[in-house]
Amino acid sequence: MSRTRIALLLFIALAGLALSGVAQAEGPAESETSLEALPTVEPPAGQESIVLAARLTDEGSAVAGVPVTFYVVTDVFGERLMKVGEALSDATGRASILFEPTWEGQVTAVARFAGNADHAAAQTSFEFEAKEAVSLWEPAEFGLDPVRQWLPVGVGIVILGVWGVLGYALATAVLGIPAAVEHTTATQPLPPWDSRVRRPAPLGPILGGIALLLVIAAIPTALLLGRERAPEDLAPWQDPNADAGHGDHPATAPLSASLVRMVETTTFDEQGQPAAGSVALPADIAVTEGRVRVLDAIKGQIVTVTDDGRLALILDARRYGDISLTGATAMAAHDDMMYVAAQDGRIVIVDSAGKIEQAITPVLPAGELPPTAAGIAVGDYGDVWLSDAANHRVLLLDNRGVFQLVLGEGVASADSEGFNTPAGLTTDANGNLYVADSGNGLVKKFSPMGVLLDSFGEASLVTPTAVAVSGTGTIFVSDEGTHLVSAFAANGTYLGSIGEGRLESPHSLKVEGDLLYVMDRLAGLFVYQPETANASEP
């Protein structure tokens, strides 16, 4: 064999080894990496910081020295994940950060490990209650700190001085009355019948009466300034001590369902940020032509899920000039078209290929506020139902956007026909409307003409966000409060729940044939095949 051939073979062998090494370095080894949320550490009284922690393991062994990124779900400038810190895991796999909440109440946190050559990516979510918050407002410094420090004392001294002068003047005037009377009687005696003026004025009762009047006037002022509203005077969403849900989580029962498919809709780069091509934070889904379409409210895009589980961009609304889907939170399918409720109030109609066909501007009566859509449903003739979460109502528009009907009182209400932050909508084969009344923990069913037919879920739901109805009449409801999807018969009877131990934040769902599509904002897309065909009419 010639030296040239030997050299060529050696080069090929070395190149193969190098490529093999590169391939192994590019992808993580097969592993069972998991991220476990640890209990939050509440701060001492008077401190706002909270310790967020998670433990990273791989097949039960601690993973040390890798970055874990922490996020919280916020609705400032639209619902999104906000990065709050990053920390390296220690020898026990524990990573923790100090977090200062800027709002009080229930907070959803997410811990993520982006993965590396040795360990697969992992994430977990958990909730905690922020009892104290850090104010984002701080007074500007203008070199007036000494003035600010002594200003209350100075004002107090001035007020006391004014009251002292007034009191002295009043006392002098009262005490001078007897002397004036004596002087008058000495120079010009009064008739006997008017001798009663010679008696000195009673000083004690007069001063006592003035003090009593001051106390009486101060009581209502003190009550108005210092009164704390009792919890019973507060609406549920105003009471800082109220539970974030509607009492304890209801007892649930598992419903038999097969997990057909799971697609990770959000992936992350090495910095822990959403990777290019993935969904930053899914808002809603629709099924057209047998494919799942996902609305990304942060990017203003619509992607489709391919057969092999990849995400393919079909619409980037930023290319359409004055039409924007950034901030849009609701989408529905009708005749292979997608109807998207945009943040500016318009209804954008998109075909199955991702082309915008038209945008409908709602025509409301004079004086009506523009809707802030949290849910959308489309009827057989193109009429559109919109749930207006900000104004606690549901609107019906015709296919041109002209106002037809309004449901609800326009304010948060727990009445049978009122709403408290209505969310997802759907219609059944008969045109009946189903509304997820998230603030009241109920699902309400209305006729096509807006007549209330039924209300259910009081003992089973906490915070319903979306509702879907199967061809057999089974009603599915996604519930972010219980982290489950609950199923009900056509008459409202609770059948059971899906997703125990899998779902983290089920936000929207759709039914197509015998498949149930659940969009979890944190965990991804789940496709279930529920076994409810015989259970829908118990």
Protein backbone atom coordinates (compact mmCIF):
# COMPACT_ATOMS: atom_id res chain seq x y z
CA MET A 1 0.00 0.00 0.00
CA SER A 2 1.41 3.40 -0.94
CA ARG A 3 2.20 6.09 1.54
CA THR A 4 -0.44 8.31 -0.05
CA ARG A 5 -3.21 5.76 0.56
CA ILE A 6 -2.07 5.20 4.15
CA ALA A 7 -2.09 8.93 4.80
CA LEU A 8 -5.57 9.22 3.24
CA LEU A 9 -6.98 6.42 5.42
CA LEU A 10 -5.48 7.95 8.55
CA PHE A 11 -7.00 11.33 7.65
CA ILE A 12 -10.45 9.75 7.14
CA ALA A 13 -10.26 7.91 10.49
CA LEU A 14 -9.21 11.03 12.37
CA ALA A 15 -11.95 13.06 10.70
CA GLY A 16 -14.53 10.45 11.69
CA LEU A 17 -13.39 10.54 15.31
CA ALA A 18 -13.53 14.34 15.31
CA LEU A 19 -17.05 14.42 13.85
CA SER A 20 -18.16 11.83 16.38
CA GLY A 21 -16.81 13.97 19.19
CA VAL A 22 -18.55 17.05 17.82
CA ALA A 23 -21.84 15.18 17.53
CA GLN A 24 -21.56 14.04 21.10
CA ALA A 25 -20.76 17.57 22.25
CA GLU A 26 -23.70 19.13 20.38
CA GLY A 27 -26.48 17.19 22.04
CA PRO A 28 -26.99 16.27 25.69
CA ALA A 29 -26.51 12.71 26.71
CA GLU A 30 -29.55 10.62 27.44
CA SER A 31 -30.46 11.55 30.97
CA GLU A 32 -33.36 11.94 33.34
CA THR A 33 -32.75 15.50 34.47
CA SER A 34 -35.36 16.91 36.83
CA LEU A 35 -35.82 20.21 38.59
CA GLU A 36 -37.67 20.14 41.89
CA ALA A 37 -39.12 23.32 43.39
CA LEU A 38 -38.22 23.84 47.03
CA PRO A 39 -40.53 25.57 49.51
CA THR A 40 -40.25 29.36 49.49
CA VAL A 41 -38.72 30.88 52.59
CA GLU A 42 -40.94 33.60 54.01
CA PRO A 43 -39.14 36.72 55.22
CA PRO A 44 -39.18 38.02 58.78
CA ALA A 45 -41.79 40.65 59.60
CA GLY A 46 -41.03 43.94 57.92
CA GLN A 47 -38.86 42.42 55.16
CA GLU A 48 -40.13 41.91 51.62
CA SER A 49 -37.49 39.56 50.15
CA ILE A 50 -38.43 35.91 49.48
CA VAL A 51 -35.99 33.08 48.76
CA LEU A 52 -36.87 31.14 45.58
CA ALA A 53 -35.08 27.82 45.32
CA ALA A 54 -35.03 24.64 43.24
CA ARG A 55 -32.92 21.47 43.26
CA LEU A 56 -31.51 20.02 40.02
CA THR A 57 -30.84 16.30 39.82
CA ASP A 58 -30.01 13.81 37.11
CA GLU A 59 -31.13 10.23 37.77
CA GLY A 60 -31.26 11.07 41.46
CA SER A 61 -27.77 12.60 41.65
CA ALA A 62 -27.23 16.29 42.32
CA VAL A 63 -26.10 18.45 39.39
CA ALA A 64 -23.71 21.14 40.59
CA GLY A 65 -22.20 24.25 38.99
CA VAL A 66 -24.82 24.88 36.31
CA PRO A 67 -27.01 28.01 35.93
CA VAL A 68 -30.70 27.87 36.88
CA THR A 69 -32.86 30.79 35.78
CA PHE A 70 -35.91 31.99 37.73
CA TYR A 71 -38.93 33.78 36.23
CA VAL A 72 -42.28 35.06 37.46
CA VAL A 73 -45.48 35.36 35.41
CA THR A 74 -46.50 39.00 35.12
CA ASP A 75 -49.25 40.82 33.24
CA VAL A 76 -47.42 44.15 33.00
CA PHE A 77 -47.35 45.18 29.30
CA GLY A 78 -49.18 41.92 28.49
CA GLU A 79 -48.91 38.53 30.09
CA ARG A 80 -45.34 37.23 29.93
CA LEU A 81 -42.48 35.58 31.79
CA MET A 82 -40.21 38.08 33.56
CA LYS A 83 -36.70 37.00 34.46
CA VAL A 84 -35.95 37.78 38.11
CA GLY A 85 -32.57 36.14 38.63
CA GLU A 86 -30.09 33.36 37.92
CA ALA A 87 -27.92 31.27 40.23
CA LEU A 88 -25.48 28.37 39.98
CA SER A 89 -26.47 25.10 41.63
CA ASP A 90 -24.37 24.08 44.62
CA ALA A 91 -22.97 20.66 45.58
CA THR A 92 -26.46 19.49 46.57
CA GLY A 93 -27.97 20.68 43.28
CA ARG A 94 -29.72 23.58 45.00
CA ALA A 95 -29.93 26.97 43.31
CA SER A 96 -31.60 29.93 44.98
CA ILE A 97 -32.10 33.67 44.53
CA LEU A 98 -33.46 36.51 46.63
CA PHE A 99 -36.66 37.89 45.06
CA GLU A 100 -38.42 41.12 46.06
CA PRO A 101 -42.08 41.05 44.92
CA THR A 102 -43.48 44.28 43.53
CA TRP A 103 -47.10 43.25 44.06
CA GLU A 104 -48.98 41.44 46.80
CA GLY A 105 -50.97 38.25 46.36
CA GLN A 106 -50.47 34.99 44.50
CA VAL A 107 -47.30 34.77 42.38
CA THR A 108 -46.43 32.03 39.86
CA ALA A 109 -42.70 31.36 39.57
CA VAL A 110 -40.81 29.23 37.06
CA ALA A 111 -37.32 27.71 37.47
CA ARG A 112 -35.53 26.55 34.31
CA PHE A 113 -32.30 24.79 33.45
CA ALA A 114 -31.45 25.28 29.77
CA GLY A 115 -29.49 22.03 29.49
CA ASN A 116 -25.94 21.35 28.37
CA ALA A 117 -23.82 18.61 26.79
CA ASP A 118 -24.21 16.35 29.83
CA HIS A 119 -27.70 17.06 31.10
CA ALA A 120 -31.06 17.61 29.41
CA ALA A 121 -33.13 20.77 29.93
CA ALA A 122 -35.59 20.80 32.82
CA GLN A 123 -38.09 23.18 34.36
CA THR A 124 -40.61 23.40 37.18
CA SER A 125 -43.19 25.91 38.38
CA PHE A 126 -44.57 26.73 41.78
CA GLU A 127 -46.79 29.30 43.45
CA PHE A 128 -46.40 31.35 46.59
CA GLU A 129 -48.16 34.25 48.25
CA ALA A 130 -46.38 37.59 48.50
CA LYS A 131 -47.61 39.22 51.69
CA GLU A 132 -45.47 42.36 51.36
CA ALA A 133 -44.25 44.15 48.26
CA VAL A 134 -41.47 46.59 47.45
CA SER A 135 -42.71 49.95 46.22
CA LEU A 136 -41.43 50.85 42.76
CA TRP A 137 -41.80 54.55 43.58
CA GLU A 138 -39.12 56.41 45.47
CA PRO A 139 -39.13 60.17 46.18
CA ALA A 140 -36.57 62.10 44.20
CA GLU A 141 -33.64 63.48 46.12
CA PHE A 142 -33.38 67.29 45.86
CA GLY A 143 -31.09 68.01 48.82
CA LEU A 144 -34.10 68.73 51.05
CA ASP A 145 -33.70 65.85 53.48
CA PRO A 146 -33.29 68.14 56.53
CA VAL A 147 -36.41 70.05 55.52
CA ARG A 148 -38.34 66.78 55.09
CA GLN A 149 -37.11 65.56 58.45
CA TRP A 150 -38.18 68.63 60.45
CA LEU A 151 -41.16 69.70 58.35
CA PRO A 152 -43.74 67.68 60.34
CA VAL A 153 -42.40 69.11 63.60
CA GLY A 154 -42.50 72.65 62.22
CA VAL A 155 -46.03 72.24 60.91
CA GLY A 156 -47.10 70.85 64.27
CA ILE A 157 -45.58 73.83 66.11
CA VAL A 158 -47.32 76.29 63.76
CA ILE A 159 -50.67 74.56 64.27
CA LEU A 160 -50.24 74.56 68.06
CA GLY A 161 -49.27 78.23 67.93
CA VAL A 162 -52.36 79.15 65.93
CA TRP A 163 -54.60 77.21 68.31
CA GLY A 164 -52.83 78.83 71.27
CA VAL A 165 -53.41 82.33 69.91
CA LEU A 166 -57.06 81.55 69.20
CA GLY A 167 -57.48 80.04 72.66
CA TYR A 168 -55.84 83.03 74.33
CA ALA A 169 -58.04 85.44 72.39
CA LEU A 170 -61.14 83.46 73.31
CA ALA A 171 -60.19 83.24 76.98
CA THR A 172 -59.37 86.96 77.11
CA ALA A 173 -62.69 87.82 75.56
CA VAL A 174 -64.63 85.62 77.97
CA LEU A 175 -62.73 86.77 81.06
CA GLY A 176 -63.16 90.40 80.03
CA ILE A 177 -66.94 90.20 80.06
CA PRO A 178 -67.34 90.63 83.87
CA ALA A 179 -64.93 93.59 83.92
CA ALA A 180 -66.77 95.25 81.11
CA VAL A 181 -70.06 94.74 82.90
CA GLU A 182 -68.70 96.23 86.14
CA HIS A 183 -67.30 99.25 84.30
CA THR A 184 -70.60 99.81 82.60
CA THR A 185 -72.63 99.59 85.80
CA ALA A 186 -70.17 101.91 87.62
CA THR A 187 -70.44 104.75 85.10
CA GLN A 188 -74.06 104.32 84.10
CA PRO A 189 -76.27 102.33 86.48
CA LEU A 190 -78.70 100.05 84.77
CA PRO A 191 -82.35 99.88 85.59
CA PRO A 192 -83.30 97.41 88.30
CA TRP A 193 -85.14 95.24 85.79
CA ASP A 194 -81.82 94.61 83.88
CA SER A 195 -79.69 93.73 86.90
CA ARG A 196 -79.15 90.20 85.62
CA VAL A 197 -76.30 91.39 83.38
CA ARG A 198 -74.26 92.19 86.46
CA ARG A 199 -73.54 88.46 87.02
CA PRO A 200 -70.18 87.35 85.53
CA ALA A 201 -70.29 85.00 82.59
CA PRO A 202 -69.80 81.30 83.56
CA LEU A 203 -66.38 80.59 82.05
CA GLY A 204 -66.21 76.83 82.77
CA PRO A 205 -69.33 75.76 80.82
CA ILE A 206 -68.33 77.90 77.82
CA LEU A 207 -64.84 76.43 77.54
CA GLY A 208 -66.22 72.92 78.15
CA GLY A 209 -68.71 73.37 75.35
CA ILE A 210 -66.03 74.56 72.94
CA ALA A 211 -63.83 71.56 73.79
CA LEU A 212 -66.78 69.23 73.33
CA LEU A 213 -67.50 70.70 69.89
CA LEU A 214 -63.86 70.22 68.88
CA VAL A 215 -63.91 66.58 70.01
CA ILE A 216 -67.17 65.91 68.16
CA ALA A 217 -65.73 67.46 64.98
CA ALA A 218 -62.52 65.43 65.29
CA ILE A 219 -64.23 62.04 65.66
CA PRO A 220 -65.58 61.71 62.05
CA THR A 221 -62.29 63.09 60.67
CA ALA A 222 -60.30 60.45 62.55
CA LEU A 223 -62.67 57.73 61.41
CA LEU A 224 -62.33 58.79 57.78
CA LEU A 225 -58.54 59.05 57.89
CA GLY A 226 -57.67 56.09 60.07
CA ARG A 227 -60.43 53.61 59.41
CA GLU A 228 -59.28 50.29 57.90
CA ARG A 229 -61.84 48.62 55.71
CA ALA A 230 -62.91 45.32 57.14
CA PRO A 231 -62.56 42.27 54.88
CA GLU A 232 -66.34 41.99 54.63
CA ASP A 233 -66.43 45.51 53.15
CA LEU A 234 -63.98 44.55 50.43
CA ALA A 235 -64.66 42.78 47.18
CA PRO A 236 -62.81 39.45 46.91
CA TRP A 237 -60.25 40.93 44.52
CA GLN A 238 -59.61 43.88 46.88
CA ASP A 239 -59.04 41.97 50.12
CA PRO A 240 -55.26 41.51 50.53
CA ASN A 241 -55.82 38.72 53.04
CA ALA A 242 -58.28 36.82 50.85
CA ASP A 243 -57.20 33.52 49.36
CA ALA A 244 -56.21 33.77 45.71
CA GLY A 245 -58.70 31.06 44.79
CA HIS A 246 -62.22 30.41 45.94
CA GLY A 247 -61.51 28.61 49.17
CA ASP A 248 -59.78 25.26 49.45
CA HIS A 249 -59.20 23.31 46.29
CA PRO A 250 -62.16 21.04 45.64
CA ALA A 251 -61.85 17.31 45.85
CA THR A 252 -61.14 15.87 42.39
CA ALA A 253 -61.39 12.44 40.83
CA PRO A 254 -59.22 11.21 37.94
CA LEU A 255 -60.88 10.76 34.56
CA SER A 256 -59.59 8.02 32.29
CA ALA A 257 -57.72 9.60 29.38
CA SER A 258 -54.80 8.56 27.20
CA LEU A 259 -51.99 11.00 26.52
CA VAL A 260 -51.57 10.82 22.75
CA ARG A 261 -48.92 13.46 22.32
CA MET A 262 -46.96 16.16 24.12
CA VAL A 263 -45.17 19.02 22.34
CA GLU A 264 -42.78 21.40 24.08
CA THR A 265 -43.81 24.77 22.65
CA THR A 266 -41.22 26.87 24.49
CA THR A 267 -37.52 26.02 24.36
CA PHE A 268 -34.63 28.01 25.80
CA ASP A 269 -31.15 29.02 24.78
CA GLU A 270 -28.02 28.84 26.90
CA GLN A 271 -28.92 32.13 28.63
CA GLY A 272 -32.28 30.74 29.71
CA GLN A 273 -34.23 32.94 27.28
CA PRO A 274 -36.90 31.63 24.83
CA ALA A 275 -35.04 30.29 21.81
CA ALA A 276 -35.64 31.58 18.32
CA GLY A 277 -38.51 29.78 16.63
CA SER A 278 -40.26 28.81 19.87
CA VAL A 279 -43.34 30.38 21.45
CA ALA A 280 -42.43 32.95 24.10
CA LEU A 281 -45.74 32.57 25.99
CA PRO A 282 -48.68 30.77 24.32
CA ALA A 283 -51.98 32.65 24.59
CA ASP A 284 -54.51 30.42 22.78
CA ILE A 285 -54.86 27.61 20.26
CA ALA A 286 -57.09 26.72 17.33
CA VAL A 287 -57.39 23.59 15.20
CA THR A 288 -57.82 24.04 11.44
CA GLU A 289 -57.32 21.42 8.72
CA GLY A 290 -56.29 18.95 11.42
CA ARG A 291 -53.37 21.06 12.59
CA VAL A 292 -52.90 22.93 15.85
CA ARG A 293 -52.23 26.65 15.57
CA VAL A 294 -50.67 28.46 18.52
CA LEU A 295 -51.03 32.20 19.14
CA ASP A 296 -47.93 33.86 20.57
CA ALA A 297 -49.14 37.10 22.14
CA ILE A 298 -45.68 38.41 22.97
CA LYS A 299 -44.26 38.09 19.46
CA GLY A 300 -47.58 38.74 17.67
CA GLN A 301 -47.22 35.53 15.68
CA ILE A 302 -49.10 32.33 14.86
CA VAL A 303 -47.21 29.04 14.53
CA THR A 304 -48.39 25.61 13.50
CA VAL A 305 -47.36 22.30 15.06
CA THR A 306 -46.05 19.90 12.41
CA ASP A 307 -46.51 16.12 12.46
CA ASP A 308 -43.02 15.63 13.87
CA GLY A 309 -43.62 18.10 16.74
CA ARG A 310 -41.76 21.07 15.31
CA LEU A 311 -43.08 24.64 15.30
CA ALA A 312 -43.44 26.36 11.93
CA LEU A 313 -44.17 30.09 11.63
CA ILE A 314 -47.17 30.82 9.40
CA LEU A 315 -47.94 34.44 10.34
CA ASP A 316 -45.81 37.31 11.58
CA ALA A 317 -48.30 40.15 11.95
CA ARG A 318 -45.51 42.72 12.09
CA ARG A 319 -45.38 42.53 8.29
CA TYR A 320 -48.92 43.90 7.95
CA GLY A 321 -48.38 47.53 8.84
CA ASP A 322 -51.26 48.76 10.97
CA ILE A 323 -52.40 45.26 12.04
CA SER A 324 -50.78 43.92 15.19
CA LEU A 325 -51.37 40.72 17.14
CA THR A 326 -49.01 41.68 19.95
CA GLY A 327 -50.95 41.35 23.19
CA ALA A 328 -53.76 39.32 21.59
CA THR A 329 -55.00 36.65 24.00
CA ALA A 330 -57.88 34.86 22.23
CA MET A 331 -58.25 32.86 19.01
CA ALA A 332 -60.98 30.60 17.58
CA ALA A 333 -61.43 28.54 14.39
CA HIS A 334 -64.40 28.68 12.00
CA ASP A 335 -64.58 27.21 8.49
CA ASP A 336 -60.79 26.67 8.44
CA MET A 337 -60.29 30.35 9.27
CA MET A 338 -58.78 31.73 12.46
CA TYR A 339 -60.47 34.62 14.26
CA VAL A 340 -58.04 36.51 16.52
CA ALA A 341 -59.19 39.15 19.00
CA ALA A 342 -56.50 41.83 18.72
CA GLN A 343 -55.56 44.13 21.58
CA ASP A 344 -56.88 47.21 19.76
CA GLY A 345 -60.39 45.69 19.71
CA ARG A 346 -60.41 44.52 16.11
CA ILE A 347 -61.12 40.95 15.03
CA VAL A 348 -58.43 39.74 12.61
CA ILE A 349 -59.45 36.89 10.27
CA VAL A 350 -56.56 34.67 9.11
CA ASP A 351 -56.74 31.77 6.63
CA SER A 352 -55.18 28.36 7.29
CA ALA A 353 -52.02 29.35 5.39
CA GLY A 354 -51.42 32.36 7.66
CA LYS A 355 -52.67 35.12 5.34
CA ILE A 356 -54.73 37.93 6.87
CA GLU A 357 -58.01 38.15 4.98
CA GLN A 358 -59.62 41.08 6.80
CA ALA A 359 -59.90 42.94 10.09
CA ILE A 360 -63.32 43.71 11.55
CA THR A 361 -63.76 46.74 13.79
CA PRO A 362 -66.58 46.30 16.34
CA VAL A 363 -69.39 48.84 15.98
CA LEU A 364 -70.74 49.50 19.47
CA PRO A 365 -73.49 51.86 20.66
CA ALA A 366 -72.45 55.34 21.72
CA GLY A 367 -71.05 55.40 25.22
CA GLU A 368 -70.01 51.73 25.26
CA LEU A 369 -66.39 51.08 26.21
CA PRO A 370 -64.18 49.19 23.71
CA PRO A 371 -63.79 45.52 24.64
CA THR A 372 -60.68 43.91 26.12
CA ALA A 373 -61.19 40.42 24.76
CA ALA A 374 -60.14 37.42 26.88
CA GLY A 375 -62.13 34.87 24.88
CA ILE A 376 -63.71 34.52 21.45
CA ALA A 377 -66.19 32.10 19.87
CA VAL A 378 -67.63 32.12 16.34
CA GLY A 379 -71.14 30.93 15.43
CA ASP A 380 -72.34 29.11 12.32
CA TYR A 381 -73.07 32.33 10.41
CA GLY A 382 -69.90 34.15 11.36
CA ASP A 383 -71.39 35.96 14.33
CA VAL A 384 -68.78 36.57 17.02
CA TRP A 385 -69.01 36.29 20.81
CA LEU A 386 -66.37 38.23 22.79
CA SER A 387 -65.76 37.99 26.52
CA ASP A 388 -64.75 41.42 27.81
CA ALA A 389 -62.78 40.71 30.99
CA ALA A 390 -62.09 44.35 31.85
CA ASN A 391 -65.77 45.33 31.72
CA HIS A 392 -67.15 42.00 33.04
CA ARG A 393 -69.48 41.36 30.10
CA VAL A 394 -69.91 39.24 26.97
CA LEU A 395 -70.72 40.88 23.62
CA LEU A 396 -72.37 39.43 20.51
CA LEU A 397 -71.44 40.95 17.14
CA ASP A 398 -72.66 40.00 13.67
CA ASN A 399 -70.27 39.01 10.89
CA ARG A 400 -69.66 42.70 10.11
CA GLY A 401 -68.85 43.58 13.71
CA VAL A 402 -72.16 45.34 14.44
CA PHE A 403 -73.33 45.12 18.06
CA GLN A 404 -76.21 42.70 18.64
CA LEU A 405 -76.39 41.76 22.32
CA VAL A 406 -74.64 42.17 25.68
CA LEU A 407 -74.61 39.76 28.63
CA GLY A 408 -73.59 40.81 32.12
CA GLU A 409 -73.88 43.94 34.22
CA GLY A 410 -70.71 45.75 33.13
CA VAL A 411 -69.23 45.46 36.63
CA ALA A 412 -67.90 42.52 38.64
CA SER A 413 -70.92 40.62 39.91
CA ALA A 414 -71.68 37.30 41.57
CA ASP A 415 -75.31 37.36 40.43
CA SER A 416 -76.63 34.48 38.34
CA GLU A 417 -76.45 36.45 35.08
CA GLY A 418 -73.45 38.61 35.98
CA PHE A 419 -69.73 37.94 35.50
CA ASN A 420 -66.50 38.51 37.34
CA THR A 421 -63.69 38.57 34.76
CA PRO A 422 -65.16 36.28 32.07
CA ALA A 423 -62.49 34.34 30.17
CA GLY A 424 -62.73 31.60 27.50
CA LEU A 425 -65.84 30.97 25.39
CA THR A 426 -67.21 28.22 23.17
CA THR A 427 -70.44 27.18 21.48
CA ASP A 428 -72.00 23.74 21.05
CA ALA A 429 -73.76 22.13 18.10
CA ASN A 430 -77.02 23.89 19.02
CA GLY A 431 -75.45 27.33 19.16
CA ASN A 432 -75.54 27.54 22.96
CA LEU A 433 -72.81 29.68 24.51
CA TYR A 434 -70.55 28.54 27.38
CA VAL A 435 -68.64 31.17 29.40
CA ALA A 436 -65.77 30.47 31.82
CA ASP A 437 -66.62 32.92 34.62
CA SER A 438 -63.15 32.82 36.15
CA GLY A 439 -63.71 35.24 39.03
CA ASN A 440 -66.79 33.36 40.24
CA GLY A 441 -65.33 29.87 39.65
CA LEU A 442 -68.24 28.80 37.40
CA VAL A 443 -69.19 27.92 33.85
CA LYS A 444 -72.41 29.54 32.61
CA LYS A 445 -74.48 28.28 29.69
CA PHE A 446 -76.65 30.62 27.61
CA SER A 447 -79.03 30.05 24.71
CA PRO A 448 -78.17 31.57 21.29
CA MET A 449 -80.43 34.50 22.27
CA GLY A 450 -78.55 35.10 25.54
CA VAL A 451 -80.94 33.44 27.98
CA LEU A 452 -79.21 31.82 30.99
CA LEU A 453 -79.80 28.06 30.85
CA ASP A 454 -77.46 26.60 33.45
CA SER A 455 -74.55 27.31 35.79
CA PHE A 456 -72.22 24.63 37.15
CA GLY A 457 -68.78 23.92 38.62
CA GLU A 458 -69.25 25.59 42.00
CA ALA A 459 -67.91 22.60 43.92
CA SER A 460 -65.31 21.56 41.33
CA LEU A 461 -63.70 24.69 39.84
CA VAL A 462 -61.42 27.37 41.27
CA THR A 463 -60.23 29.60 38.39
CA PRO A 464 -61.65 28.36 35.08
CA THR A 465 -59.94 29.88 32.05
CA ALA A 466 -61.37 28.10 28.99
CA VAL A 467 -64.17 25.73 28.02
CA ALA A 468 -64.74 23.30 25.13
CA VAL A 469 -67.61 20.94 24.24
CA SER A 470 -67.18 17.59 22.51
CA GLY A 471 -69.49 16.08 19.94
CA THR A 472 -70.98 13.80 22.61
CA GLY A 473 -71.84 16.77 24.85
CA THR A 474 -69.02 16.42 27.35
CA ILE A 475 -67.86 19.82 28.63
CA PHE A 476 -64.15 20.29 29.36
CA VAL A 477 -62.91 23.20 31.47
CA SER A 478 -59.27 24.22 32.02
CA ASP A 479 -58.67 25.36 35.58
CA GLU A 480 -55.49 27.23 36.52
CA GLY A 481 -56.52 27.09 40.18
CA THR A 482 -56.45 23.28 40.38
CA HIS A 483 -53.86 22.77 37.56
CA LEU A 484 -56.30 20.34 35.94
CA VAL A 485 -58.83 20.00 33.14
CA SER A 486 -62.24 19.08 34.58
CA ALA A 487 -64.97 17.27 32.64
CA PHE A 488 -68.72 17.69 33.08
CA ALA A 489 -71.73 15.95 31.59
CA ALA A 490 -74.21 17.91 29.50
CA ASN A 491 -76.35 18.43 32.60
CA GLY A 492 -73.42 19.87 34.59
CA THR A 493 -72.56 16.73 36.57
CA TYR A 494 -68.87 16.50 37.44
CA LEU A 495 -67.23 13.51 35.74
CA GLY A 496 -63.58 13.81 36.76
CA SER A 497 -60.35 15.59 35.90
CA ILE A 498 -57.39 15.13 33.56
CA GLY A 499 -53.73 16.08 33.95
CA GLU A 500 -52.88 15.31 37.57
CA GLY A 501 -49.11 15.61 37.98
CA ARG A 502 -48.58 16.76 34.38
CA LEU A 503 -50.30 20.10 33.89
CA GLU A 504 -48.85 23.25 35.45
CA SER A 505 -50.89 26.13 34.05
CA PRO A 506 -53.63 24.85 31.66
CA HIS A 507 -54.86 28.00 29.98
CA SER A 508 -56.75 27.15 26.79
CA LEU A 509 -58.20 24.03 25.20
CA LYS A 510 -60.04 22.84 22.13
CA VAL A 511 -61.88 19.64 21.13
CA GLU A 512 -61.51 18.17 17.64
CA GLY A 513 -63.14 14.80 17.03
CA ASP A 514 -62.30 12.54 19.97
CA LEU A 515 -59.13 14.46 20.86
CA LEU A 516 -58.73 17.11 23.53
CA TYR A 517 -55.99 19.71 22.96
CA VAL A 518 -54.72 21.43 26.11
CA MET A 519 -52.37 24.41 25.89
CA ASP A 520 -50.37 24.71 29.10
CA ARG A 521 -48.58 28.06 29.19
CA LEU A 522 -45.64 26.59 31.09
CA ALA A 523 -45.49 22.88 30.24
CA GLY A 524 -46.47 22.87 26.54
CA LEU A 525 -49.18 21.32 24.36
CA PHE A 526 -50.89 18.12 25.53
CA VAL A 527 -53.16 16.00 23.34
CA TYR A 528 -55.49 13.64 25.23
CA GLN A 529 -58.04 11.06 24.15
CA PRO A 530 -60.60 11.04 26.99
CA GLU A 531 -62.79 8.01 27.54
CA THR A 532 -66.01 9.95 28.11
CA ALA A 533 -68.17 8.76 25.26
CA ASN A 534 -70.32 6.69 27.61
CA ALA A 535 -70.03 9.01 30.58
CA SER A 536 -71.41 12.23 29.13
CA GLU A 537 -74.98 11.32 30.09
CA PRO A 538 -74.87 9.62 33.50
